[in-house]
């Protein structure tokens, strides 16, 4: 038996209109937003440390107060990125319904 024999009925290619697509997209973008904004915040911590002449750790080269910067950036990204993505997703679905 081939793998293509067990595929079942052909789908329409459309996602469901329920809450599940939003939940999936929201969870994925929350994680990626937190990591991305956290790393950008660490870069900002590096610049702030350089401007304030704060010496980085000798062993790792980590900037001063990097954890505080990372945490604030991660929390910001945790909410900002999913909000924007879900807002755009809802806007696209609404415009598709009116067509």
PDB file of N, CA and C in Angstrom:
ATOM      1  N   UNK A   1       0.846  -1.170   0.000  1.00  0.00           N
ATOM      2  CA  UNK A   1       0.000   0.000   0.000  1.00  0.00           C
ATOM      3  C   UNK A   1       0.898   1.243   0.000  1.00  0.00           C
ATOM      4  N   UNK A   2       0.553   2.207  -0.824  1.00  0.00           N
ATOM      5  CA  UNK A   2       1.319   3.445  -0.887  1.00  0.00           C
ATOM      6  C   UNK A   2       0.853   4.406   0.195  1.00  0.00           C
ATOM      7  N   UNK A   3       1.698   5.398   0.524  1.00  0.00           N
ATOM      8  CA  UNK A   3       1.330   6.389   1.528  1.00  0.00           C
ATOM      9  C   UNK A   3       0.162   7.254   1.078  1.00  0.00           C
ATOM     10  N   UNK A   4       0.045   7.471  -0.197  1.00  0.00           N
ATOM     11  CA  UNK A   4      -1.018   8.341  -0.697  1.00  0.00           C
ATOM     12  C   UNK A   4      -2.386   7.669  -0.658  1.00  0.00           C
ATOM     13  N   UNK A   5      -2.454   6.382  -0.420  1.00  0.00           N
ATOM     14  CA  UNK A   5      -3.734   5.684  -0.363  1.00  0.00           C
ATOM     15  C   UNK A   5      -4.492   5.973   0.929  1.00  0.00           C
ATOM     16  N   UNK A   6      -3.814   6.415   1.980  1.00  0.00           N
ATOM     17  CA  UNK A   6      -4.450   6.644   3.278  1.00  0.00           C
ATOM     18  C   UNK A   6      -4.670   8.120   3.586  1.00  0.00           C
ATOM     19  N   UNK A   7      -4.723   8.971   2.589  1.00  0.00           N
ATOM     20  CA  UNK A   7      -4.847  10.400   2.834  1.00  0.00           C
ATOM     21  C   UNK A   7      -6.258  10.822   3.216  1.00  0.00           C
ATOM     22  N   UNK A   8      -7.258  10.081   2.881  1.00  0.00           N
ATOM     23  CA  UNK A   8      -8.630  10.457   3.202  1.00  0.00           C
ATOM     24  C   UNK A   8      -9.181  11.403   2.155  1.00  0.00           C
ATOM     25  N   UNK A   9     -10.336  12.010   2.462  1.00  0.00           N
ATOM     26  CA  UNK A   9     -10.957  12.907   1.479  1.00  0.00           C
ATOM     27  C   UNK A   9     -10.121  14.167   1.278  1.00  0.00           C
ATOM     28  N   UNK A  10     -10.197  14.708   0.075  1.00  0.00           N
ATOM     29  CA  UNK A  10      -9.438  15.915  -0.248  1.00  0.00           C
ATOM     30  C   UNK A  10     -10.066  17.106   0.455  1.00  0.00           C
ATOM     31  N   UNK A  11      -9.239  17.951   1.073  1.00  0.00           N
ATOM     32  CA  UNK A  11      -9.725  19.125   1.775  1.00  0.00           C
ATOM     33  C   UNK A  11      -9.936  20.297   0.822  1.00  0.00           C
ATOM     34  N   UNK A  12     -10.554  21.333   1.349  1.00  0.00           N
ATOM     35  CA  UNK A  12     -10.828  22.516   0.535  1.00  0.00           C
ATOM     36  C   UNK A  12      -9.657  23.480   0.526  1.00  0.00           C
ATOM     37  N   UNK A  13      -8.695  23.287   1.432  1.00  0.00           N
ATOM     38  CA  UNK A  13      -7.556  24.197   1.509  1.00  0.00           C
ATOM     39  C   UNK A  13      -7.817  25.412   2.384  1.00  0.00           C
ATOM     40  N   UNK A  14      -8.990  25.487   2.980  1.00  0.00           N
ATOM     41  CA  UNK A  14      -9.353  26.611   3.833  1.00  0.00           C
ATOM     42  C   UNK A  14      -9.202  26.212   5.298  1.00  0.00           C
ATOM     43  N   UNK A  15      -8.779  27.166   6.122  1.00  0.00           N
ATOM     44  CA  UNK A  15      -8.712  26.911   7.558  1.00  0.00           C
ATOM     45  C   UNK A  15     -10.081  27.133   8.166  1.00  0.00           C
ATOM     46  N   UNK A  16     -10.271  26.578   9.343  1.00  0.00           N
ATOM     47  CA  UNK A  16     -11.569  26.743  10.002  1.00  0.00           C
ATOM     48  C   UNK A  16     -11.723  28.178  10.495  1.00  0.00           C
ATOM     49  N   UNK A  17     -12.952  28.575  10.724  1.00  0.00           N
ATOM     50  CA  UNK A  17     -13.237  29.934  11.167  1.00  0.00           C
ATOM     51  C   UNK A  17     -13.289  30.040  12.686  1.00  0.00           C
ATOM     52  N   UNK A  18     -12.945  28.995  13.395  1.00  0.00           N
ATOM     53  CA  UNK A  18     -13.025  28.994  14.854  1.00  0.00           C
ATOM     54  C   UNK A  18     -11.848  29.697  15.506  1.00  0.00           C
ATOM     55  N   UNK A  19     -11.672  29.407  16.775  1.00  0.00           N
ATOM     56  CA  UNK A  19     -10.636  30.052  17.577  1.00  0.00           C
ATOM     57  C   UNK A  19      -9.281  29.354  17.436  1.00  0.00           C
ATOM     58  N   UNK A  20      -9.252  28.123  16.954  1.00  0.00           N
ATOM     59  CA  UNK A  20      -8.018  27.344  16.923  1.00  0.00           C
ATOM     60  C   UNK A  20      -6.916  27.931  16.049  1.00  0.00           C
ATOM     61  N   UNK A  21      -7.214  28.459  14.874  1.00  0.00           N
ATOM     62  CA  UNK A  21      -6.125  29.082  14.106  1.00  0.00           C
ATOM     63  C   UNK A  21      -5.508  30.286  14.836  1.00  0.00           C
ATOM     64  N   UNK A  22      -6.353  31.062  15.508  1.00  0.00           N
ATOM     65  CA  UNK A  22      -5.843  32.202  16.268  1.00  0.00           C
ATOM     66  C   UNK A  22      -4.985  31.746  17.444  1.00  0.00           C
ATOM     67  N   UNK A  23      -5.403  30.687  18.098  1.00  0.00           N
ATOM     68  CA  UNK A  23      -4.650  30.163  19.237  1.00  0.00           C
ATOM     69  C   UNK A  23      -3.284  29.639  18.788  1.00  0.00           C
ATOM     70  N   UNK A  24      -3.265  28.915  17.694  1.00  0.00           N
ATOM     71  CA  UNK A  24      -1.996  28.390  17.188  1.00  0.00           C
ATOM     72  C   UNK A  24      -1.043  29.486  16.756  1.00  0.00           C
ATOM     73  N   UNK A  25      -1.552  30.438  16.009  1.00  0.00           N
ATOM     74  CA  UNK A  25      -0.718  31.550  15.551  1.00  0.00           C
ATOM     75  C   UNK A  25      -0.263  32.397  16.740  1.00  0.00           C
ATOM     76  N   UNK A  26      -1.163  32.626  17.681  1.00  0.00           N
ATOM     77  CA  UNK A  26      -0.819  33.422  18.858  1.00  0.00           C
ATOM     78  C   UNK A  26       0.281  32.789  19.691  1.00  0.00           C
ATOM     79  N   UNK A  27       0.200  31.489  19.896  1.00  0.00           N
ATOM     80  CA  UNK A  27       1.231  30.807  20.695  1.00  0.00           C
ATOM     81  C   UNK A  27       2.593  30.834  20.003  1.00  0.00           C
ATOM     82  N   UNK A  28       2.611  30.562  18.714  1.00  0.00           N
ATOM     83  CA  UNK A  28       3.883  30.569  17.988  1.00  0.00           C
ATOM     84  C   UNK A  28       4.513  31.961  17.952  1.00  0.00           C
ATOM     85  N   UNK A  29       3.694  32.974  17.715  1.00  0.00           N
ATOM     86  CA  UNK A  29       4.244  34.326  17.639  1.00  0.00           C
ATOM     87  C   UNK A  29       4.603  34.869  19.016  1.00  0.00           C
ATOM     88  N   UNK A  30       3.962  34.380  20.073  1.00  0.00           N
ATOM     89  CA  UNK A  30       4.318  34.820  21.422  1.00  0.00           C
ATOM     90  C   UNK A  30       5.736  34.371  21.774  1.00  0.00           C
ATOM     91  N   UNK A  31       6.047  33.132  21.456  1.00  0.00           N
ATOM     92  CA  UNK A  31       7.387  32.616  21.751  1.00  0.00           C
ATOM     93  C   UNK A  31       8.442  33.321  20.901  1.00  0.00           C
ATOM     94  N   UNK A  32       8.179  33.432  19.608  1.00  0.00           N
ATOM     95  CA  UNK A  32       9.168  34.081  18.744  1.00  0.00           C
ATOM     96  C   UNK A  32       9.285  35.565  19.048  1.00  0.00           C
ATOM     97  N   UNK A  33       8.195  36.221  19.407  1.00  0.00           N
ATOM     98  CA  UNK A  33       8.239  37.637  19.773  1.00  0.00           C
ATOM     99  C   UNK A  33       9.020  37.870  21.047  1.00  0.00           C
ATOM    100  N   UNK A  34       8.829  37.003  22.034  1.00  0.00           N
ATOM    101  CA  UNK A  34       9.561  37.141  23.293  1.00  0.00           C
ATOM    102  C   UNK A  34      11.063  36.974  23.073  1.00  0.00           C
ATOM    103  N   UNK A  35      11.439  35.979  22.302  1.00  0.00           N
ATOM    104  CA  UNK A  35      12.869  35.759  22.059  1.00  0.00           C
ATOM    105  C   UNK A  35      13.480  36.904  21.242  1.00  0.00           C
ATOM    106  N   UNK A  36      12.781  37.326  20.210  1.00  0.00           N
ATOM    107  CA  UNK A  36      13.314  38.379  19.338  1.00  0.00           C
ATOM    108  C   UNK A  36      13.440  39.707  20.086  1.00  0.00           C
ATOM    109  N   UNK A  37      12.395  40.116  20.762  1.00  0.00           N
ATOM    110  CA  UNK A  37      12.452  41.376  21.493  1.00  0.00           C
ATOM    111  C   UNK A  37      13.447  41.304  22.645  1.00  0.00           C
ATOM    112  N   UNK A  38      13.586  40.122  23.264  1.00  0.00           N
ATOM    113  CA  UNK A  38      14.577  39.949  24.331  1.00  0.00           C
ATOM    114  C   UNK A  38      15.997  40.140  23.819  1.00  0.00           C
ATOM    115  N   UNK A  39      16.291  39.587  22.651  1.00  0.00           N
ATOM    116  CA  UNK A  39      17.634  39.737  22.086  1.00  0.00           C
ATOM    117  C   UNK A  39      17.904  41.170  21.633  1.00  0.00           C
ATOM    118  N   UNK A  40      16.886  41.831  21.118  1.00  0.00           N
ATOM    119  CA  UNK A  40      17.054  43.242  20.758  1.00  0.00           C
ATOM    120  C   UNK A  40      17.309  44.068  22.012  1.00  0.00           C
ATOM    121  N   UNK A  41      16.623  43.727  23.107  1.00  0.00           N
ATOM    122  CA  UNK A  41      16.827  44.443  24.364  1.00  0.00           C
ATOM    123  C   UNK A  41      18.236  44.216  24.910  1.00  0.00           C
ATOM    124  N   UNK A  42      18.798  43.038  24.708  1.00  0.00           N
ATOM    125  CA  UNK A  42      20.180  42.791  25.143  1.00  0.00           C
ATOM    126  C   UNK A  42      21.148  43.627  24.307  1.00  0.00           C
ATOM    127  N   UNK A  43      20.859  43.793  23.039  1.00  0.00           N
ATOM    128  CA  UNK A  43      21.681  44.672  22.210  1.00  0.00           C
ATOM    129  C   UNK A  43      21.600  46.114  22.718  1.00  0.00           C
ATOM    130  N   UNK A  44      20.414  46.533  23.103  1.00  0.00           N
ATOM    131  CA  UNK A  44      20.253  47.871  23.684  1.00  0.00           C
ATOM    132  C   UNK A  44      21.004  47.959  25.004  1.00  0.00           C
ATOM    133  N   UNK A  45      20.995  46.889  25.817  1.00  0.00           N
ATOM    134  CA  UNK A  45      21.752  46.865  27.071  1.00  0.00           C
ATOM    135  C   UNK A  45      23.243  47.014  26.809  1.00  0.00           C
ATOM    136  N   UNK A  46      23.708  46.402  25.738  1.00  0.00           N
ATOM    137  CA  UNK A  46      25.122  46.526  25.360  1.00  0.00           C
ATOM    138  C   UNK A  46      25.453  47.980  25.026  1.00  0.00           C
ATOM    139  N   UNK A  47      24.569  48.655  24.280  1.00  0.00           N
ATOM    140  CA  UNK A  47      24.793  50.059  23.925  1.00  0.00           C
ATOM    141  C   UNK A  47      24.712  50.954  25.153  1.00  0.00           C
ATOM    142  N   UNK A  48      23.754  50.688  26.036  1.00  0.00           N
ATOM    143  CA  UNK A  48      23.628  51.483  27.261  1.00  0.00           C
ATOM    144  C   UNK A  48      24.847  51.269  28.152  1.00  0.00           C
ATOM    145  N   UNK A  49      25.313  50.044  28.250  1.00  0.00           N
ATOM    146  CA  UNK A  49      26.518  49.761  29.037  1.00  0.00           C
ATOM    147  C   UNK A  49      27.743  50.460  28.481  1.00  0.00           C
ATOM    148  N   UNK A  50      27.847  50.502  27.157  1.00  0.00           N
ATOM    149  CA  UNK A  50      28.969  51.201  26.538  1.00  0.00           C
ATOM    150  C   UNK A  50      28.879  52.704  26.792  1.00  0.00           C
ATOM    151  N   UNK A  51      27.668  53.263  26.670  1.00  0.00           N
ATOM    152  CA  UNK A  51      27.480  54.705  26.860  1.00  0.00           C
ATOM    153  C   UNK A  51      27.706  55.122  28.309  1.00  0.00           C
ATOM    154  N   UNK A  52      27.345  54.248  29.244  1.00  0.00           N
ATOM    155  CA  UNK A  52      27.531  54.589  30.665  1.00  0.00           C
ATOM    156  C   UNK A  52      28.873  54.096  31.204  1.00  0.00           C
ATOM    157  N   UNK A  53      29.709  53.559  30.318  1.00  0.00           N
ATOM    158  CA  UNK A  53      31.044  53.066  30.660  1.00  0.00           C
ATOM    159  C   UNK A  53      31.017  51.994  31.761  1.00  0.00           C
ATOM    160  N   UNK A  54      30.000  51.139  31.682  1.00  0.00           N
ATOM    161  CA  UNK A  54      29.878  50.012  32.600  1.00  0.00           C
ATOM    162  C   UNK A  54      30.627  48.830  31.985  1.00  0.00           C
ATOM    163  N   UNK A  55      31.572  48.295  32.702  1.00  0.00           N
ATOM    164  CA  UNK A  55      32.402  47.199  32.179  1.00  0.00           C
ATOM    165  C   UNK A  55      31.591  45.910  32.113  1.00  0.00           C
ATOM    166  N   UNK A  56      31.618  45.214  30.967  1.00  0.00           N
ATOM    167  CA  UNK A  56      30.913  43.929  30.873  1.00  0.00           C
ATOM    168  C   UNK A  56      31.632  42.856  31.694  1.00  0.00           C
ATOM    169  N   UNK A  57      30.943  41.730  31.918  1.00  0.00           N
ATOM    170  CA  UNK A  57      31.563  40.621  32.647  1.00  0.00           C
ATOM    171  C   UNK A  57      32.809  40.151  31.900  1.00  0.00           C
ATOM    172  N   UNK A  58      33.832  39.838  32.647  1.00  0.00           N
ATOM    173  CA  UNK A  58      35.105  39.459  32.037  1.00  0.00           C
ATOM    174  C   UNK A  58      34.994  38.100  31.337  1.00  0.00           C
ATOM    175  N   UNK A  59      34.375  37.131  31.981  1.00  0.00           N
ATOM    176  CA  UNK A  59      34.320  35.777  31.424  1.00  0.00           C
ATOM    177  C   UNK A  59      33.403  35.659  30.217  1.00  0.00           C
ATOM    178  N   UNK A  60      32.212  36.243  30.308  1.00  0.00           N
ATOM    179  CA  UNK A  60      31.210  36.030  29.263  1.00  0.00           C
ATOM    180  C   UNK A  60      31.040  37.215  28.322  1.00  0.00           C
ATOM    181  N   UNK A  61      31.406  38.398  28.750  1.00  0.00           N
ATOM    182  CA  UNK A  61      31.202  39.590  27.940  1.00  0.00           C
ATOM    183  C   UNK A  61      29.779  40.109  27.997  1.00  0.00           C
ATOM    184  N   UNK A  62      28.982  39.595  28.951  1.00  0.00           N
ATOM    185  CA  UNK A  62      27.589  40.017  29.082  1.00  0.00           C
ATOM    186  C   UNK A  62      27.531  41.457  29.582  1.00  0.00           C
ATOM    187  N   UNK A  63      26.648  42.267  29.009  1.00  0.00           N
ATOM    188  CA  UNK A  63      26.546  43.662  29.441  1.00  0.00           C
ATOM    189  C   UNK A  63      25.944  43.787  30.840  1.00  0.00           C
ATOM    190  N   UNK A  64      26.117  44.958  31.436  1.00  0.00           N
ATOM    191  CA  UNK A  64      25.555  45.225  32.756  1.00  0.00           C
ATOM    192  C   UNK A  64      24.025  45.173  32.688  1.00  0.00           C
ATOM    193  N   UNK A  65      23.428  44.576  33.687  1.00  0.00           N
ATOM    194  CA  UNK A  65      21.971  44.487  33.811  1.00  0.00           C
ATOM    195  C   UNK A  65      21.298  43.871  32.589  1.00  0.00           C
ATOM    196  N   UNK A  66      21.940  42.928  31.933  1.00  0.00           N
ATOM    197  CA  UNK A  66      21.376  42.352  30.724  1.00  0.00           C
ATOM    198  C   UNK A  66      20.082  41.597  31.006  1.00  0.00           C
ATOM    199  N   UNK A  67      19.981  40.976  32.184  1.00  0.00           N
ATOM    200  CA  UNK A  67      18.785  40.207  32.498  1.00  0.00           C
ATOM    201  C   UNK A  67      17.559  41.109  32.627  1.00  0.00           C
ATOM    202  N   UNK A  68      17.738  42.270  33.222  1.00  0.00           N
ATOM    203  CA  UNK A  68      16.636  43.224  33.345  1.00  0.00           C
ATOM    204  C   UNK A  68      16.176  43.686  31.966  1.00  0.00           C
ATOM    205  N   UNK A  69      17.125  44.005  31.109  1.00  0.00           N
ATOM    206  CA  UNK A  69      16.782  44.432  29.744  1.00  0.00           C
ATOM    207  C   UNK A  69      16.096  43.300  28.984  1.00  0.00           C
ATOM    208  N   UNK A  70      16.650  42.086  29.087  1.00  0.00           N
ATOM    209  CA  UNK A  70      16.072  40.958  28.364  1.00  0.00           C
ATOM    210  C   UNK A  70      14.654  40.674  28.830  1.00  0.00           C
ATOM    211  N   UNK A  71      14.438  40.693  30.130  1.00  0.00           N
ATOM    212  CA  UNK A  71      13.119  40.392  30.675  1.00  0.00           C
ATOM    213  C   UNK A  71      12.083  41.414  30.223  1.00  0.00           C
ATOM    214  N   UNK A  72      12.428  42.682  30.264  1.00  0.00           N
ATOM    215  CA  UNK A  72      11.490  43.712  29.816  1.00  0.00           C
ATOM    216  C   UNK A  72      11.212  43.596  28.321  1.00  0.00           C
ATOM    217  N   UNK A  73      12.242  43.335  27.529  1.00  0.00           N
ATOM    218  CA  UNK A  73      12.047  43.157  26.095  1.00  0.00           C
ATOM    219  C   UNK A  73      11.211  41.924  25.777  1.00  0.00           C
ATOM    220  N   UNK A  74      11.461  40.828  26.513  1.00  0.00           N
ATOM    221  CA  UNK A  74      10.713  39.593  26.280  1.00  0.00           C
ATOM    222  C   UNK A  74       9.239  39.765  26.623  1.00  0.00           C
ATOM    223  N   UNK A  75       8.951  40.442  27.714  1.00  0.00           N
ATOM    224  CA  UNK A  75       7.552  40.674  28.090  1.00  0.00           C
ATOM    225  C   UNK A  75       6.870  41.560  27.053  1.00  0.00           C
ATOM    226  N   UNK A  76       7.567  42.564  26.574  1.00  0.00           N
ATOM    227  CA  UNK A  76       7.008  43.429  25.532  1.00  0.00           C
ATOM    228  C   UNK A  76       6.715  42.632  24.259  1.00  0.00           C
ATOM    229  N   UNK A  77       7.674  41.818  23.831  1.00  0.00           N
ATOM    230  CA  UNK A  77       7.489  41.000  22.629  1.00  0.00           C
ATOM    231  C   UNK A  77       6.426  39.932  22.786  1.00  0.00           C
ATOM    232  N   UNK A  78       6.251  39.462  24.015  1.00  0.00           N
ATOM    233  CA  UNK A  78       5.246  38.446  24.305  1.00  0.00           C
ATOM    234  C   UNK A  78       3.842  38.943  23.999  1.00  0.00           C
ATOM    235  N   UNK A  79       3.624  40.237  24.133  1.00  0.00           N
ATOM    236  CA  UNK A  79       2.297  40.800  23.889  1.00  0.00           C
ATOM    237  C   UNK A  79       2.190  41.532  22.557  1.00  0.00           C
ATOM    238  N   UNK A  80       3.237  42.211  22.143  1.00  0.00           N
ATOM    239  CA  UNK A  80       3.163  43.053  20.941  1.00  0.00           C
ATOM    240  C   UNK A  80       3.052  42.221  19.662  1.00  0.00           C
ATOM    241  N   UNK A  81       3.906  41.254  19.494  1.00  0.00           N
ATOM    242  CA  UNK A  81       3.935  40.487  18.238  1.00  0.00           C
ATOM    243  C   UNK A  81       2.639  39.700  18.013  1.00  0.00           C
ATOM    244  N   UNK A  82       2.149  38.915  18.997  1.00  0.00           N
ATOM    245  CA  UNK A  82       0.881  38.213  18.748  1.00  0.00           C
ATOM    246  C   UNK A  82      -0.294  39.162  18.516  1.00  0.00           C
ATOM    247  N   UNK A  83      -0.299  40.297  19.207  1.00  0.00           N
ATOM    248  CA  UNK A  83      -1.378  41.258  19.016  1.00  0.00           C
ATOM    249  C   UNK A  83      -1.411  41.769  17.585  1.00  0.00           C
ATOM    250  N   UNK A  84      -0.271  42.139  17.057  1.00  0.00           N
ATOM    251  CA  UNK A  84      -0.205  42.656  15.694  1.00  0.00           C
ATOM    252  C   UNK A  84      -0.568  41.570  14.680  1.00  0.00           C
ATOM    253  N   UNK A  85      -0.045  40.373  14.868  1.00  0.00           N
ATOM    254  CA  UNK A  85      -0.296  39.293  13.913  1.00  0.00           C
ATOM    255  C   UNK A  85      -1.765  38.886  13.917  1.00  0.00           C
ATOM    256  N   UNK A  86      -2.366  38.750  15.088  1.00  0.00           N
ATOM    257  CA  UNK A  86      -3.772  38.351  15.156  1.00  0.00           C
ATOM    258  C   UNK A  86      -4.667  39.471  14.645  1.00  0.00           C
ATOM    259  N   UNK A  87      -4.319  40.716  14.917  1.00  0.00           N
ATOM    260  CA  UNK A  87      -5.087  41.845  14.398  1.00  0.00           C
ATOM    261  C   UNK A  87      -5.082  41.833  12.871  1.00  0.00           C
ATOM    262  N   UNK A  88      -3.904  41.614  12.281  1.00  0.00           N
ATOM    263  CA  UNK A  88      -3.811  41.560  10.813  1.00  0.00           C
ATOM    264  C   UNK A  88      -4.543  40.346  10.255  1.00  0.00           C
ATOM    265  N   UNK A  89      -4.492  39.235  10.974  1.00  0.00           N
ATOM    266  CA  UNK A  89      -5.171  38.018  10.533  1.00  0.00           C
ATOM    267  C   UNK A  89      -6.688  38.228  10.543  1.00  0.00           C
ATOM    268  N   UNK A  90      -7.202  38.856  11.591  1.00  0.00           N
ATOM    269  CA  UNK A  90      -8.641  39.136  11.668  1.00  0.00           C
ATOM    270  C   UNK A  90      -9.067  40.126  10.585  1.00  0.00           C
ATOM    271  N   UNK A  91      -8.213  41.123  10.342  1.00  0.00           N
ATOM    272  CA  UNK A  91      -8.509  42.119   9.315  1.00  0.00           C
ATOM    273  C   UNK A  91      -8.577  41.461   7.933  1.00  0.00           C
ATOM    274  N   UNK A  92      -7.653  40.550   7.652  1.00  0.00           N
ATOM    275  CA  UNK A  92      -7.646  39.856   6.357  1.00  0.00           C
ATOM    276  C   UNK A  92      -8.869  38.957   6.215  1.00  0.00           C
ATOM    277  N   UNK A  93      -9.250  38.283   7.296  1.00  0.00           N
ATOM    278  CA  UNK A  93     -10.440  37.433   7.222  1.00  0.00           C
ATOM    279  C   UNK A  93     -11.700  38.243   7.042  1.00  0.00           C
ATOM    280  N   UNK A  94     -11.767  39.395   7.692  1.00  0.00           N
ATOM    281  CA  UNK A  94     -12.951  40.244   7.559  1.00  0.00           C
ATOM    282  C   UNK A  94     -13.084  40.787   6.138  1.00  0.00           C
ATOM    283  N   UNK A  95     -11.975  41.158   5.534  1.00  0.00           N
ATOM    284  CA  UNK A  95     -12.032  41.669   4.165  1.00  0.00           C
ATOM    285  C   UNK A  95     -12.363  40.556   3.178  1.00  0.00           C
ATOM    286  N   UNK A  96     -11.967  39.349   3.472  1.00  0.00           N
ATOM    287  CA  UNK A  96     -12.278  38.216   2.606  1.00  0.00           C
ATOM    288  C   UNK A  96     -13.763  37.862   2.666  1.00  0.00           C
ATOM    289  N   UNK A  97     -14.391  38.056   3.842  1.00  0.00           N
ATOM    290  CA  UNK A  97     -15.818  37.752   3.994  1.00  0.00           C
ATOM    291  C   UNK A  97     -16.682  38.755   3.236  1.00  0.00           C
ATOM    292  N   UNK A  98     -16.210  40.000   3.133  1.00  0.00           N
ATOM    293  CA  UNK A  98     -17.015  41.026   2.469  1.00  0.00           C
ATOM    294  C   UNK A  98     -16.923  40.935   0.952  1.00  0.00           C
ATOM    295  N   UNK A  99     -15.995  40.197   0.435  1.00  0.00           N
ATOM    296  CA  UNK A  99     -15.843  40.083  -1.019  1.00  0.00           C
ATOM    297  C   UNK A  99     -16.900  39.246  -1.652  1.00  0.00           C
TER     298      UNK A  99
END
